[in-house]
Amino acid sequence: MKEASAGFVFLCSDITEAECLKRSLFGGKEKYVNRVRGLEKGHKLFLYNYNTKKLHGVFEATTGMQENIVKNAWNGEFPWQIKVKRVTENKPVSREDIGKTLKFDMMGRPSARLSVEIVNDLEKLFKSKKRIRTYADETQYFTDDGHKVRSKAEQIIDNWLYKNRISHGYEASIPNAKRCDFEIQTSDGKIYIEYWGMNDTSYIKNKKAKLEIYKKNNLKLVSLYPKDLRHIENILSKELLK
């Protein structure tokens, strides 16, 4: 018999988060079913974005885990799904806010199973209006799809992708603990977009390091510069068609 307050954590990325929230649907691959075994209607659920390191909550399961509740969700990549409803509408909490309440693995992902005590602690955390200020809070520009970016140039790029219905993530992880500006998932793999807009010494050093990462790992990269913003429609269309 399940404990009424026990809960589970599901994962998402910048690319999948919006669809999870819009459809009120969480999902995973077959191997994730074992991590949430015993999940039933009524359990408390949380959604952790491992790109932004933010936890969304509080949700409640309205079904058990089923295969293909919405067959075309996330392009079929996560067929094991569960319908959810929001219990409370709260501002997401950051990894810094979570502190030691959740355990994270070496990949920076939280444990899927939550005890009664942890669920109660998380619910208290969501009700609290206090939030630790993070680097992400320094961003200044909101985009049409709700992303919060750090420059007007990134806002222009993000809005173009959204306008053209291109699913994308902002500041997704790449190797060597670095982050890209934008990530696009396609049937042929991922495409990364970097906007190179500065020329100070530290920026140039970081740029060279990132370019080496893309080259070494054979990652598909589209580089954009300030002069490209005036012709963003033509340049991005041409580059992405390649």
C-alpha atoms as a PDB file:
ATOM      1  CA  MET A   1       0.000   0.000   0.000  1.00  0.00           C
ATOM      2  CA  LYS A   2       1.524   3.295  -1.035  1.00  0.00           C
ATOM      3  CA  GLU A   3       2.145   6.166   1.352  1.00  0.00           C
ATOM      4  CA  ALA A   4      -0.131   9.085   0.481  1.00  0.00           C
ATOM      5  CA  SER A   5       2.641  11.730   0.521  1.00  0.00           C
ATOM      6  CA  ALA A   6       5.419   9.755  -1.218  1.00  0.00           C
ATOM      7  CA  GLY A   7       6.487  11.155  -4.572  1.00  0.00           C
ATOM      8  CA  PHE A   8       8.719  10.931  -7.628  1.00  0.00           C
ATOM      9  CA  VAL A   9      10.872  13.207  -9.780  1.00  0.00           C
ATOM     10  CA  PHE A  10      10.751  13.204 -13.583  1.00  0.00           C
ATOM     11  CA  LEU A  11      13.402  14.775 -15.795  1.00  0.00           C
ATOM     12  CA  CYS A  12      13.176  17.226 -18.685  1.00  0.00           C
ATOM     13  CA  SER A  13      15.475  19.501 -20.669  1.00  0.00           C
ATOM     14  CA  ASP A  14      15.018  22.972 -22.137  1.00  0.00           C
ATOM     15  CA  ILE A  15      13.777  21.237 -25.284  1.00  0.00           C
ATOM     16  CA  THR A  16      11.162  19.017 -23.607  1.00  0.00           C
ATOM     17  CA  GLU A  17      10.065  21.183 -20.660  1.00  0.00           C
ATOM     18  CA  ALA A  18       7.454  23.259 -22.496  1.00  0.00           C
ATOM     19  CA  GLU A  19       5.759  20.166 -23.918  1.00  0.00           C
ATOM     20  CA  CYS A  20       5.670  18.485 -20.498  1.00  0.00           C
ATOM     21  CA  LEU A  21       3.952  21.496 -18.956  1.00  0.00           C
ATOM     22  CA  LYS A  22       1.639  22.235 -21.873  1.00  0.00           C
ATOM     23  CA  ARG A  23       0.397  18.659 -22.199  1.00  0.00           C
ATOM     24  CA  SER A  24       0.398  18.003 -18.415  1.00  0.00           C
ATOM     25  CA  LEU A  25       2.355  14.904 -19.333  1.00  0.00           C
ATOM     26  CA  PHE A  26       5.608  13.487 -17.984  1.00  0.00           C
ATOM     27  CA  GLY A  27       7.496  10.703 -19.721  1.00  0.00           C
ATOM     28  CA  GLY A  28      10.585   8.582 -19.974  1.00  0.00           C
ATOM     29  CA  LYS A  29      12.232   5.733 -21.814  1.00  0.00           C
ATOM     30  CA  GLU A  30      11.625   2.125 -20.813  1.00  0.00           C
ATOM     31  CA  LYS A  31      14.571   2.073 -18.388  1.00  0.00           C
ATOM     32  CA  TYR A  32      13.023   4.962 -16.445  1.00  0.00           C
ATOM     33  CA  VAL A  33       9.977   2.819 -15.613  1.00  0.00           C
ATOM     34  CA  ASN A  34      12.084   0.871 -13.100  1.00  0.00           C
ATOM     35  CA  ARG A  35      13.139   4.082 -11.389  1.00  0.00           C
ATOM     36  CA  VAL A  36       9.502   5.057 -10.759  1.00  0.00           C
ATOM     37  CA  ARG A  37       8.125   1.565 -10.169  1.00  0.00           C
ATOM     38  CA  GLY A  38       5.127   1.677  -7.851  1.00  0.00           C
ATOM     39  CA  LEU A  39       4.018   5.097  -9.084  1.00  0.00           C
ATOM     40  CA  GLU A  40       0.237   5.305  -8.970  1.00  0.00           C
ATOM     41  CA  LYS A  41      -2.545   7.816  -9.370  1.00  0.00           C
ATOM     42  CA  GLY A  42      -2.405  10.304  -6.522  1.00  0.00           C
ATOM     43  CA  HIS A  43       1.352  10.360  -5.966  1.00  0.00           C
ATOM     44  CA  LYS A  44       3.033  13.768  -5.716  1.00  0.00           C
ATOM     45  CA  LEU A  45       5.334  14.513  -8.661  1.00  0.00           C
ATOM     46  CA  PHE A  46       8.033  17.035  -9.514  1.00  0.00           C
ATOM     47  CA  LEU A  47       9.726  17.954 -12.813  1.00  0.00           C
ATOM     48  CA  TYR A  48      13.470  18.728 -12.842  1.00  0.00           C
ATOM     49  CA  ASN A  49      15.041  20.563 -15.798  1.00  0.00           C
ATOM     50  CA  TYR A  50      18.656  19.370 -15.823  1.00  0.00           C
ATOM     51  CA  ASN A  51      19.684  22.193 -18.193  1.00  0.00           C
ATOM     52  CA  THR A  52      18.432  25.093 -16.061  1.00  0.00           C
ATOM     53  CA  LYS A  53      18.811  23.085 -12.814  1.00  0.00           C
ATOM     54  CA  LYS A  54      15.307  24.075 -11.718  1.00  0.00           C
ATOM     55  CA  LEU A  55      12.576  21.985 -10.131  1.00  0.00           C
ATOM     56  CA  HIS A  56       8.901  22.517 -11.038  1.00  0.00           C
ATOM     57  CA  GLY A  57       6.080  21.524  -8.717  1.00  0.00           C
ATOM     58  CA  VAL A  58       3.856  20.531  -7.189  1.00  0.00           C
ATOM     59  CA  PHE A  59       2.043  18.016  -9.432  1.00  0.00           C
ATOM     60  CA  GLU A  60      -0.146  14.983  -8.822  1.00  0.00           C
ATOM     61  CA  ALA A  61      -0.359  11.841 -10.948  1.00  0.00           C
ATOM     62  CA  THR A  62      -3.811  11.378 -12.507  1.00  0.00           C
ATOM     63  CA  THR A  63      -2.893   8.039 -14.122  1.00  0.00           C
ATOM     64  CA  GLY A  64      -0.326   5.308 -13.632  1.00  0.00           C
ATOM     65  CA  MET A  65       2.593   4.842 -16.040  1.00  0.00           C
ATOM     66  CA  GLN A  66       1.263   3.845 -19.459  1.00  0.00           C
ATOM     67  CA  GLU A  67       2.756   3.419 -22.887  1.00  0.00           C
ATOM     68  CA  ASN A  68       1.993   6.100 -25.498  1.00  0.00           C
ATOM     69  CA  ILE A  69      -0.784   8.060 -23.799  1.00  0.00           C
ATOM     70  CA  VAL A  70       0.100  10.691 -26.390  1.00  0.00           C
ATOM     71  CA  LYS A  71       1.906   8.768 -29.103  1.00  0.00           C
ATOM     72  CA  ASN A  72       3.528  11.745 -30.856  1.00  0.00           C
ATOM     73  CA  ALA A  73       4.655  13.514 -27.667  1.00  0.00           C
ATOM     74  CA  TRP A  74       8.358  14.452 -27.780  1.00  0.00           C
ATOM     75  CA  ASN A  75       8.503  12.891 -31.275  1.00  0.00           C
ATOM     76  CA  GLY A  76       7.975   9.465 -29.733  1.00  0.00           C
ATOM     77  CA  GLU A  77      11.285   9.544 -27.845  1.00  0.00           C
ATOM     78  CA  PHE A  78       9.682   8.995 -24.419  1.00  0.00           C
ATOM     79  CA  PRO A  79       6.853   6.463 -24.849  1.00  0.00           C
ATOM     80  CA  TRP A  80       6.297   5.644 -21.158  1.00  0.00           C
ATOM     81  CA  GLN A  81       4.091   8.418 -19.892  1.00  0.00           C
ATOM     82  CA  ILE A  82       1.905   9.617 -17.055  1.00  0.00           C
ATOM     83  CA  LYS A  83      -0.757  12.325 -16.975  1.00  0.00           C
ATOM     84  CA  VAL A  84      -0.453  14.932 -14.242  1.00  0.00           C
ATOM     85  CA  LYS A  85      -2.263  17.923 -12.808  1.00  0.00           C
ATOM     86  CA  ARG A  86      -0.866  20.881 -10.927  1.00  0.00           C
ATOM     87  CA  VAL A  87      -1.664  20.843  -7.230  1.00  0.00           C
ATOM     88  CA  THR A  88      -0.166  24.266  -6.589  1.00  0.00           C
ATOM     89  CA  GLU A  89       1.140  26.969  -8.926  1.00  0.00           C
ATOM     90  CA  ASN A  90       4.613  27.865  -7.701  1.00  0.00           C
ATOM     91  CA  LYS A  91       7.738  29.559  -8.957  1.00  0.00           C
ATOM     92  CA  PRO A  92      10.383  26.879  -9.795  1.00  0.00           C
ATOM     93  CA  VAL A  93      13.130  26.326  -7.245  1.00  0.00           C
ATOM     94  CA  SER A  94      16.807  26.197  -8.203  1.00  0.00           C
ATOM     95  CA  ARG A  95      19.468  23.645  -7.328  1.00  0.00           C
ATOM     96  CA  GLU A  96      20.774  26.196  -4.832  1.00  0.00           C
ATOM     97  CA  ASP A  97      17.336  26.443  -3.201  1.00  0.00           C
ATOM     98  CA  ILE A  98      17.050  22.652  -3.016  1.00  0.00           C
ATOM     99  CA  GLY A  99      20.321  22.347  -1.135  1.00  0.00           C
ATOM    100  CA  LYS A 100      20.607  18.917   0.497  1.00  0.00           C
ATOM    101  CA  THR A 101      16.883  18.146   0.315  1.00  0.00           C
ATOM    102  CA  LEU A 102      17.466  15.983  -2.782  1.00  0.00           C
ATOM    103  CA  LYS A 103      20.366  13.683  -3.596  1.00  0.00           C
ATOM    104  CA  PHE A 104      22.008  14.186  -7.005  1.00  0.00           C
ATOM    105  CA  ASP A 105      24.096  11.678  -8.943  1.00  0.00           C
ATOM    106  CA  MET A 106      27.377  12.307 -10.773  1.00  0.00           C
ATOM    107  CA  MET A 107      25.423  13.529 -13.805  1.00  0.00           C
ATOM    108  CA  GLY A 108      23.689  16.158 -11.697  1.00  0.00           C
ATOM    109  CA  ARG A 109      20.326  14.425 -11.793  1.00  0.00           C
ATOM    110  CA  PRO A 110      18.166  13.926  -8.681  1.00  0.00           C
ATOM    111  CA  SER A 111      16.939  10.645  -7.229  1.00  0.00           C
ATOM    112  CA  ALA A 112      13.632   9.599  -8.778  1.00  0.00           C
ATOM    113  CA  ARG A 113      12.047   8.249  -5.584  1.00  0.00           C
ATOM    114  CA  LEU A 114      11.061  10.587  -2.746  1.00  0.00           C
ATOM    115  CA  SER A 115      10.219   9.679   0.817  1.00  0.00           C
ATOM    116  CA  VAL A 116       7.316  11.201   2.720  1.00  0.00           C
ATOM    117  CA  GLU A 117       9.719  13.506   4.563  1.00  0.00           C
ATOM    118  CA  ILE A 118      11.363  14.759   1.363  1.00  0.00           C
ATOM    119  CA  VAL A 119       8.014  15.442  -0.323  1.00  0.00           C
ATOM    120  CA  ASN A 120       6.917  17.429   2.723  1.00  0.00           C
ATOM    121  CA  ASP A 121      10.189  19.399   2.724  1.00  0.00           C
ATOM    122  CA  LEU A 122       9.831  20.174  -0.986  1.00  0.00           C
ATOM    123  CA  GLU A 123       6.253  21.346  -0.555  1.00  0.00           C
ATOM    124  CA  LYS A 124       7.393  23.712   2.207  1.00  0.00           C
ATOM    125  CA  LEU A 125      10.203  24.933  -0.047  1.00  0.00           C
ATOM    126  CA  PHE A 126       7.800  25.720  -2.884  1.00  0.00           C
ATOM    127  CA  LYS A 127       5.519  27.652  -0.516  1.00  0.00           C
ATOM    128  CA  SER A 128       8.439  29.778   0.657  1.00  0.00           C
ATOM    129  CA  LYS A 129       8.790  33.088  -1.167  1.00  0.00           C
ATOM    130  CA  LYS A 130      12.518  33.254  -0.502  1.00  0.00           C
ATOM    131  CA  ARG A 131      14.812  32.243  -3.345  1.00  0.00           C
ATOM    132  CA  ILE A 132      18.601  32.210  -3.522  1.00  0.00           C
ATOM    133  CA  ARG A 133      19.792  34.555  -6.252  1.00  0.00           C
ATOM    134  CA  THR A 134      21.580  32.645  -9.022  1.00  0.00           C
ATOM    135  CA  TYR A 135      23.561  33.478 -12.145  1.00  0.00           C
ATOM    136  CA  ALA A 136      20.431  32.830 -14.205  1.00  0.00           C
ATOM    137  CA  ASP A 137      18.713  35.697 -12.391  1.00  0.00           C
ATOM    138  CA  GLU A 138      21.101  38.114 -14.120  1.00  0.00           C
ATOM    139  CA  THR A 139      19.443  37.501 -17.479  1.00  0.00           C
ATOM    140  CA  GLN A 140      17.499  40.488 -18.754  1.00  0.00           C
ATOM    141  CA  TYR A 141      15.565  39.599 -21.887  1.00  0.00           C
ATOM    142  CA  PHE A 142      12.402  37.511 -22.198  1.00  0.00           C
ATOM    143  CA  THR A 143      11.686  35.748 -25.489  1.00  0.00           C
ATOM    144  CA  ASP A 144       8.368  34.958 -27.172  1.00  0.00           C
ATOM    145  CA  ASP A 145       8.465  31.350 -25.949  1.00  0.00           C
ATOM    146  CA  GLY A 146       9.258  32.278 -22.344  1.00  0.00           C
ATOM    147  CA  HIS A 147      13.026  31.761 -22.303  1.00  0.00           C
ATOM    148  CA  LYS A 148      15.082  34.276 -20.347  1.00  0.00           C
ATOM    149  CA  VAL A 149      18.277  35.176 -22.225  1.00  0.00           C
ATOM    150  CA  ARG A 150      21.256  37.408 -21.552  1.00  0.00           C
ATOM    151  CA  SER A 151      21.379  39.672 -24.579  1.00  0.00           C
ATOM    152  CA  LYS A 152      19.263  41.336 -27.234  1.00  0.00           C
ATOM    153  CA  ALA A 153      21.075  39.263 -29.867  1.00  0.00           C
ATOM    154  CA  GLU A 154      20.113  35.983 -28.162  1.00  0.00           C
ATOM    155  CA  GLN A 155      16.543  37.255 -27.915  1.00  0.00           C
ATOM    156  CA  ILE A 156      16.478  37.810 -31.691  1.00  0.00           C
ATOM    157  CA  ILE A 157      17.852  34.317 -32.373  1.00  0.00           C
ATOM    158  CA  ASP A 158      15.472  32.629 -29.918  1.00  0.00           C
ATOM    159  CA  ASN A 159      12.454  34.479 -31.334  1.00  0.00           C
ATOM    160  CA  TRP A 160      13.406  33.468 -34.877  1.00  0.00           C
ATOM    161  CA  LEU A 161      13.600  29.795 -33.873  1.00  0.00           C
ATOM    162  CA  TYR A 162      10.252  30.019 -32.091  1.00  0.00           C
ATOM    163  CA  LYS A 163       8.600  31.847 -34.999  1.00  0.00           C
ATOM    164  CA  ASN A 164       9.755  29.106 -37.341  1.00  0.00           C
ATOM    165  CA  ARG A 165       8.508  26.379 -34.976  1.00  0.00           C
ATOM    166  CA  ILE A 166      11.978  24.992 -34.368  1.00  0.00           C
ATOM    167  CA  SER A 167      12.104  23.252 -30.983  1.00  0.00           C
ATOM    168  CA  HIS A 168      15.180  24.433 -29.129  1.00  0.00           C
ATOM    169  CA  GLY A 169      16.881  24.619 -25.756  1.00  0.00           C
ATOM    170  CA  TYR A 170      18.823  27.518 -24.265  1.00  0.00           C
ATOM    171  CA  GLU A 171      22.206  27.021 -22.598  1.00  0.00           C
ATOM    172  CA  ALA A 172      22.155  23.229 -22.848  1.00  0.00           C
ATOM    173  CA  SER A 173      25.177  21.271 -21.643  1.00  0.00           C
ATOM    174  CA  ILE A 174      28.051  20.322 -23.939  1.00  0.00           C
ATOM    175  CA  PRO A 175      31.221  18.357 -22.990  1.00  0.00           C
ATOM    176  CA  ASN A 176      33.803  19.726 -20.525  1.00  0.00           C
ATOM    177  CA  ALA A 177      31.122  21.334 -18.329  1.00  0.00           C
ATOM    178  CA  LYS A 178      30.464  24.039 -20.913  1.00  0.00           C
ATOM    179  CA  ARG A 179      27.121  25.292 -22.220  1.00  0.00           C
ATOM    180  CA  CYS A 180      26.023  26.211 -25.728  1.00  0.00           C
ATOM    181  CA  ASP A 181      23.846  29.204 -26.571  1.00  0.00           C
ATOM    182  CA  PHE A 182      21.162  27.144 -28.331  1.00  0.00           C
ATOM    183  CA  GLU A 183      20.567  23.447 -28.977  1.00  0.00           C
ATOM    184  CA  ILE A 184      18.268  21.990 -31.636  1.00  0.00           C
ATOM    185  CA  GLN A 185      17.280  18.325 -31.673  1.00  0.00           C
ATOM    186  CA  THR A 186      16.737  16.842 -35.143  1.00  0.00           C
ATOM    187  CA  SER A 187      16.181  13.339 -36.478  1.00  0.00           C
ATOM    188  CA  ASP A 188      19.864  13.354 -37.549  1.00  0.00           C
ATOM    189  CA  GLY A 189      21.180  14.476 -34.169  1.00  0.00           C
ATOM    190  CA  LYS A 190      21.776  17.775 -32.418  1.00  0.00           C
ATOM    191  CA  ILE A 191      22.705  21.123 -33.936  1.00  0.00           C
ATOM    192  CA  TYR A 192      24.277  23.818 -31.774  1.00  0.00           C
ATOM    193  CA  ILE A 193      24.134  27.574 -32.303  1.00  0.00           C
ATOM    194  CA  GLU A 194      26.697  29.933 -30.805  1.00  0.00           C
ATOM    195  CA  TYR A 195      26.498  33.720 -30.971  1.00  0.00           C
ATOM    196  CA  TRP A 196      29.958  35.254 -30.763  1.00  0.00           C
ATOM    197  CA  GLY A 197      29.335  38.871 -29.801  1.00  0.00           C
ATOM    198  CA  MET A 198      32.348  40.027 -27.761  1.00  0.00           C
ATOM    199  CA  ASN A 199      36.096  40.345 -28.234  1.00  0.00           C
ATOM    200  CA  ASP A 200      37.712  40.806 -24.826  1.00  0.00           C
ATOM    201  CA  THR A 201      40.583  38.512 -23.793  1.00  0.00           C
ATOM    202  CA  SER A 202      38.650  36.149 -21.482  1.00  0.00           C
ATOM    203  CA  TYR A 203      35.799  35.869 -23.970  1.00  0.00           C
ATOM    204  CA  ILE A 204      38.160  34.995 -26.832  1.00  0.00           C
ATOM    205  CA  LYS A 205      39.853  32.382 -24.646  1.00  0.00           C
ATOM    206  CA  ASN A 206      36.500  30.778 -23.808  1.00  0.00           C
ATOM    207  CA  LYS A 207      35.461  30.924 -27.461  1.00  0.00           C
ATOM    208  CA  LYS A 208      38.581  29.041 -28.560  1.00  0.00           C
ATOM    209  CA  ALA A 209      38.003  26.396 -25.877  1.00  0.00           C
ATOM    210  CA  LYS A 210      34.409  25.873 -26.970  1.00  0.00           C
ATOM    211  CA  LEU A 211      35.300  25.695 -30.661  1.00  0.00           C
ATOM    212  CA  GLU A 212      37.832  22.996 -29.819  1.00  0.00           C
ATOM    213  CA  ILE A 213      35.133  21.045 -27.964  1.00  0.00           C
ATOM    214  CA  TYR A 214      32.804  21.189 -30.958  1.00  0.00           C
ATOM    215  CA  LYS A 215      35.590  20.088 -33.287  1.00  0.00           C
ATOM    216  CA  LYS A 216      36.932  17.316 -31.039  1.00  0.00           C
ATOM    217  CA  ASN A 217      33.472  15.820 -30.454  1.00  0.00           C
ATOM    218  CA  ASN A 218      32.382  16.257 -34.087  1.00  0.00           C
ATOM    219  CA  LEU A 219      29.357  18.330 -33.068  1.00  0.00           C
ATOM    220  CA  LYS A 220      27.350  20.268 -35.646  1.00  0.00           C
ATOM    221  CA  LEU A 221      27.811  23.986 -35.000  1.00  0.00           C
ATOM    222  CA  VAL A 222      26.327  27.137 -36.506  1.00  0.00           C
ATOM    223  CA  SER A 223      28.320  30.255 -35.571  1.00  0.00           C
ATOM    224  CA  LEU A 224      26.652  33.671 -35.661  1.00  0.00           C
ATOM    225  CA  TYR A 225      28.194  37.133 -35.356  1.00  0.00           C
ATOM    226  CA  PRO A 226      26.765  40.666 -34.839  1.00  0.00           C
ATOM    227  CA  LYS A 227      26.752  41.361 -38.588  1.00  0.00           C
ATOM    228  CA  ASP A 228      24.541  38.306 -39.117  1.00  0.00           C
ATOM    229  CA  LEU A 229      21.647  39.658 -37.062  1.00  0.00           C
ATOM    230  CA  ARG A 230      20.510  41.958 -39.857  1.00  0.00           C
ATOM    231  CA  HIS A 231      20.098  38.928 -42.127  1.00  0.00           C
ATOM    232  CA  ILE A 232      19.116  36.337 -39.526  1.00  0.00           C
ATOM    233  CA  GLU A 233      16.257  34.972 -41.640  1.00  0.00           C
ATOM    234  CA  ASN A 234      18.455  34.140 -44.631  1.00  0.00           C
ATOM    235  CA  ILE A 235      21.521  33.007 -42.677  1.00  0.00           C
ATOM    236  CA  LEU A 236      19.801  30.645 -40.213  1.00  0.00           C
ATOM    237  CA  SER A 237      17.503  29.210 -42.891  1.00  0.00           C
ATOM    238  CA  LYS A 238      20.500  28.470 -45.097  1.00  0.00           C
ATOM    239  CA  GLU A 239      22.664  27.037 -42.299  1.00  0.00           C
ATOM    240  CA  LEU A 240      19.971  24.797 -40.845  1.00  0.00           C
ATOM    241  CA  LEU A 241      19.020  23.456 -44.248  1.00  0.00           C
ATOM    242  CA  LYS A 242      22.569  22.130 -44.603  1.00  0.00           C
END
